[in-house]
Amino acid sequence: MTELRSRVEPFACAPGLRLESHEKVAKLQFDALNDRFQRLEMLMERLERRLWLAVYGVAGVILAEAFQKFMNLTP
């Protein structure tokens, strides 16, 4: 009798299956959300790099114009 019970798989009732399927769906949704957050972070980093490049470009132009005016003033 003990051997027969050890060979039989445990009975999976409907609420247990429903919970398991809900957990799988929740995991898939969580993974998709994580993926979206990672892509958003990458886009924000790229935007930040472009912003700093624009700031350095504007500062370079201002310094170049100041240097040019300084060079025109001196003989």
N, C-alpha and C. Protein backbone atom coordinates (compact mmCIF):
# COMPACT_ATOMS: atom_id res chain seq x y z
N MET A 1 0.82 -1.19 0.00
CA MET A 1 0.00 0.00 0.00
C MET A 1 0.86 1.26 0.00
N THR A 2 1.96 1.25 0.74
CA THR A 2 2.85 2.41 0.80
C THR A 2 3.51 2.64 -0.55
N GLU A 3 3.87 1.56 -1.24
CA GLU A 3 4.50 1.69 -2.55
C GLU A 3 3.54 2.34 -3.55
N LEU A 4 2.28 2.01 -3.50
CA LEU A 4 1.29 2.57 -4.39
C LEU A 4 1.12 4.07 -4.16
N ARG A 5 1.12 4.48 -2.91
CA ARG A 5 0.96 5.90 -2.59
C ARG A 5 2.18 6.70 -3.03
N SER A 6 3.36 6.13 -2.97
CA SER A 6 4.57 6.86 -3.36
C SER A 6 4.65 7.04 -4.88
N ARG A 7 4.00 6.14 -5.66
CA ARG A 7 4.02 6.25 -7.11
C ARG A 7 2.98 7.23 -7.64
N VAL A 8 1.94 7.46 -6.92
CA VAL A 8 0.86 8.33 -7.37
C VAL A 8 1.27 9.79 -7.16
N GLU A 9 1.05 10.58 -8.20
CA GLU A 9 1.37 12.00 -8.10
C GLU A 9 0.35 12.69 -7.20
N PRO A 10 0.76 13.74 -6.53
CA PRO A 10 -0.19 14.45 -5.68
C PRO A 10 -1.31 15.05 -6.52
N PHE A 11 -2.46 15.10 -5.94
CA PHE A 11 -3.64 15.62 -6.62
C PHE A 11 -3.58 17.14 -6.66
N ALA A 12 -3.73 17.68 -7.87
CA ALA A 12 -3.73 19.13 -8.03
C ALA A 12 -5.17 19.61 -8.15
N CYS A 13 -5.61 20.33 -7.17
CA CYS A 13 -7.01 20.79 -7.19
C CYS A 13 -7.11 22.08 -8.00
N ALA A 14 -8.29 22.44 -8.38
CA ALA A 14 -8.53 23.59 -9.24
C ALA A 14 -8.04 24.91 -8.64
N PRO A 15 -8.29 25.20 -7.36
CA PRO A 15 -7.77 26.48 -6.83
C PRO A 15 -6.25 26.55 -6.88
N GLY A 16 -5.59 25.42 -6.69
CA GLY A 16 -4.13 25.41 -6.78
C GLY A 16 -3.65 25.70 -8.18
N LEU A 17 -4.31 25.13 -9.16
CA LEU A 17 -3.94 25.39 -10.55
C LEU A 17 -4.21 26.84 -10.92
N ARG A 18 -5.30 27.38 -10.43
CA ARG A 18 -5.65 28.77 -10.70
C ARG A 18 -4.60 29.71 -10.11
N LEU A 19 -4.17 29.43 -8.91
CA LEU A 19 -3.14 30.24 -8.26
C LEU A 19 -1.83 30.14 -9.03
N GLU A 20 -1.47 28.95 -9.46
CA GLU A 20 -0.24 28.75 -10.21
C GLU A 20 -0.27 29.52 -11.53
N SER A 21 -1.39 29.47 -12.22
CA SER A 21 -1.48 30.21 -13.49
C SER A 21 -1.45 31.72 -13.24
N HIS A 22 -2.05 32.17 -12.15
CA HIS A 22 -2.00 33.59 -11.81
C HIS A 22 -0.56 34.02 -11.52
N GLU A 23 0.19 33.19 -10.83
CA GLU A 23 1.58 33.50 -10.51
C GLU A 23 2.42 33.58 -11.79
N LYS A 24 2.14 32.68 -12.75
CA LYS A 24 2.89 32.72 -14.01
C LYS A 24 2.59 34.00 -14.78
N VAL A 25 1.31 34.38 -14.84
CA VAL A 25 0.93 35.61 -15.54
C VAL A 25 1.55 36.82 -14.84
N ALA A 26 1.52 36.84 -13.53
CA ALA A 26 2.10 37.96 -12.78
C ALA A 26 3.61 38.04 -13.03
N LYS A 27 4.28 36.90 -13.10
CA LYS A 27 5.72 36.89 -13.38
C LYS A 27 6.00 37.43 -14.77
N LEU A 28 5.20 37.03 -15.76
CA LEU A 28 5.38 37.53 -17.12
C LEU A 28 5.17 39.05 -17.17
N GLN A 29 4.15 39.54 -16.48
CA GLN A 29 3.89 40.97 -16.46
C GLN A 29 5.02 41.72 -15.76
N PHE A 30 5.52 41.15 -14.68
CA PHE A 30 6.62 41.78 -13.95
C PHE A 30 7.88 41.83 -14.80
N ASP A 31 8.17 40.74 -15.50
CA ASP A 31 9.34 40.71 -16.39
C ASP A 31 9.20 41.73 -17.51
N ALA A 32 8.00 41.85 -18.08
CA ALA A 32 7.78 42.84 -19.14
C ALA A 32 7.95 44.26 -18.60
N LEU A 33 7.48 44.50 -17.39
CA LEU A 33 7.62 45.82 -16.78
C LEU A 33 9.09 46.13 -16.50
N ASN A 34 9.84 45.14 -16.03
CA ASN A 34 11.27 45.33 -15.81
C ASN A 34 11.98 45.67 -17.10
N ASP A 35 11.62 44.98 -18.18
CA ASP A 35 12.23 45.23 -19.48
C ASP A 35 11.94 46.66 -19.94
N ARG A 36 10.71 47.10 -19.75
CA ARG A 36 10.36 48.47 -20.13
C ARG A 36 11.13 49.49 -19.31
N PHE A 37 11.28 49.24 -18.02
CA PHE A 37 12.04 50.16 -17.17
C PHE A 37 13.50 50.23 -17.61
N GLN A 38 14.07 49.09 -17.96
CA GLN A 38 15.47 49.08 -18.41
C GLN A 38 15.63 49.86 -19.70
N ARG A 39 14.68 49.69 -20.65
CA ARG A 39 14.76 50.45 -21.89
C ARG A 39 14.58 51.94 -21.63
N LEU A 40 13.69 52.29 -20.71
CA LEU A 40 13.47 53.69 -20.36
C LEU A 40 14.73 54.30 -19.74
N GLU A 41 15.40 53.54 -18.88
CA GLU A 41 16.64 54.02 -18.27
C GLU A 41 17.70 54.26 -19.33
N MET A 42 17.82 53.35 -20.31
CA MET A 42 18.80 53.53 -21.37
C MET A 42 18.49 54.78 -22.18
N LEU A 43 17.21 55.00 -22.49
CA LEU A 43 16.83 56.19 -23.24
C LEU A 43 17.12 57.46 -22.45
N MET A 44 16.89 57.42 -21.15
CA MET A 44 17.18 58.59 -20.32
C MET A 44 18.68 58.88 -20.27
N GLU A 45 19.49 57.83 -20.21
CA GLU A 45 20.94 58.03 -20.20
C GLU A 45 21.41 58.64 -21.52
N ARG A 46 20.85 58.16 -22.64
CA ARG A 46 21.21 58.73 -23.94
C ARG A 46 20.80 60.19 -24.02
N LEU A 47 19.61 60.51 -23.52
CA LEU A 47 19.13 61.89 -23.52
C LEU A 47 20.03 62.76 -22.66
N GLU A 48 20.45 62.24 -21.52
CA GLU A 48 21.32 63.00 -20.63
C GLU A 48 22.66 63.29 -21.31
N ARG A 49 23.21 62.29 -22.02
CA ARG A 49 24.47 62.51 -22.73
C ARG A 49 24.31 63.59 -23.80
N ARG A 50 23.19 63.54 -24.52
CA ARG A 50 22.95 64.56 -25.55
C ARG A 50 22.79 65.94 -24.93
N LEU A 51 22.13 66.01 -23.80
CA LEU A 51 21.94 67.29 -23.13
C LEU A 51 23.29 67.88 -22.72
N TRP A 52 24.15 67.04 -22.12
CA TRP A 52 25.47 67.53 -21.71
C TRP A 52 26.30 67.93 -22.92
N LEU A 53 26.17 67.20 -24.01
CA LEU A 53 26.90 67.57 -25.22
C LEU A 53 26.44 68.93 -25.72
N ALA A 54 25.14 69.20 -25.67
CA ALA A 54 24.61 70.51 -26.07
C ALA A 54 25.11 71.60 -25.13
N VAL A 55 25.13 71.33 -23.83
CA VAL A 55 25.61 72.33 -22.86
C VAL A 55 27.08 72.65 -23.12
N TYR A 56 27.90 71.62 -23.32
CA TYR A 56 29.33 71.85 -23.59
C TYR A 56 29.51 72.57 -24.92
N GLY A 57 28.67 72.27 -25.90
CA GLY A 57 28.76 72.95 -27.19
C GLY A 57 28.45 74.44 -27.06
N VAL A 58 27.39 74.75 -26.33
CA VAL A 58 27.04 76.17 -26.13
C VAL A 58 28.14 76.88 -25.35
N ALA A 59 28.67 76.25 -24.32
CA ALA A 59 29.75 76.86 -23.54
C ALA A 59 30.98 77.06 -24.41
N GLY A 60 31.27 76.13 -25.30
CA GLY A 60 32.41 76.26 -26.20
C GLY A 60 32.23 77.42 -27.17
N VAL A 61 31.03 77.58 -27.68
CA VAL A 61 30.77 78.70 -28.60
C VAL A 61 30.92 80.03 -27.87
N ILE A 62 30.39 80.12 -26.67
CA ILE A 62 30.51 81.36 -25.89
C ILE A 62 31.97 81.68 -25.60
N LEU A 63 32.73 80.68 -25.21
CA LEU A 63 34.16 80.90 -24.93
C LEU A 63 34.92 81.28 -26.20
N ALA A 64 34.58 80.65 -27.31
CA ALA A 64 35.25 80.97 -28.57
C ALA A 64 34.96 82.41 -28.99
N GLU A 65 33.72 82.85 -28.84
CA GLU A 65 33.38 84.23 -29.18
C GLU A 65 34.09 85.21 -28.26
N ALA A 66 34.17 84.89 -26.97
CA ALA A 66 34.88 85.76 -26.03
C ALA A 66 36.36 85.83 -26.38
N PHE A 67 36.94 84.69 -26.73
CA PHE A 67 38.36 84.66 -27.11
C PHE A 67 38.59 85.45 -28.39
N GLN A 68 37.66 85.33 -29.33
CA GLN A 68 37.78 86.06 -30.60
C GLN A 68 37.68 87.57 -30.35
N LYS A 69 36.78 88.01 -29.51
CA LYS A 69 36.66 89.43 -29.20
C LYS A 69 37.92 89.93 -28.49
N PHE A 70 38.47 89.10 -27.61
CA PHE A 70 39.69 89.46 -26.90
C PHE A 70 40.87 89.60 -27.88
N MET A 71 40.92 88.70 -28.86
CA MET A 71 42.00 88.75 -29.86
C MET A 71 41.85 89.96 -30.76
N ASN A 72 40.61 90.40 -31.03
CA ASN A 72 40.41 91.57 -31.87
C ASN A 72 40.76 92.87 -31.14
N LEU A 73 40.64 92.88 -29.82
CA LEU A 73 40.95 94.06 -29.04
C LEU A 73 42.46 94.29 -28.89
N THR A 74 43.22 93.24 -28.83
CA THR A 74 44.66 93.38 -28.64
C THR A 74 45.33 93.56 -30.01
N PRO A 75 46.33 94.48 -30.10
CA PRO A 75 47.00 94.73 -31.40
C PRO A 75 47.95 93.65 -31.81
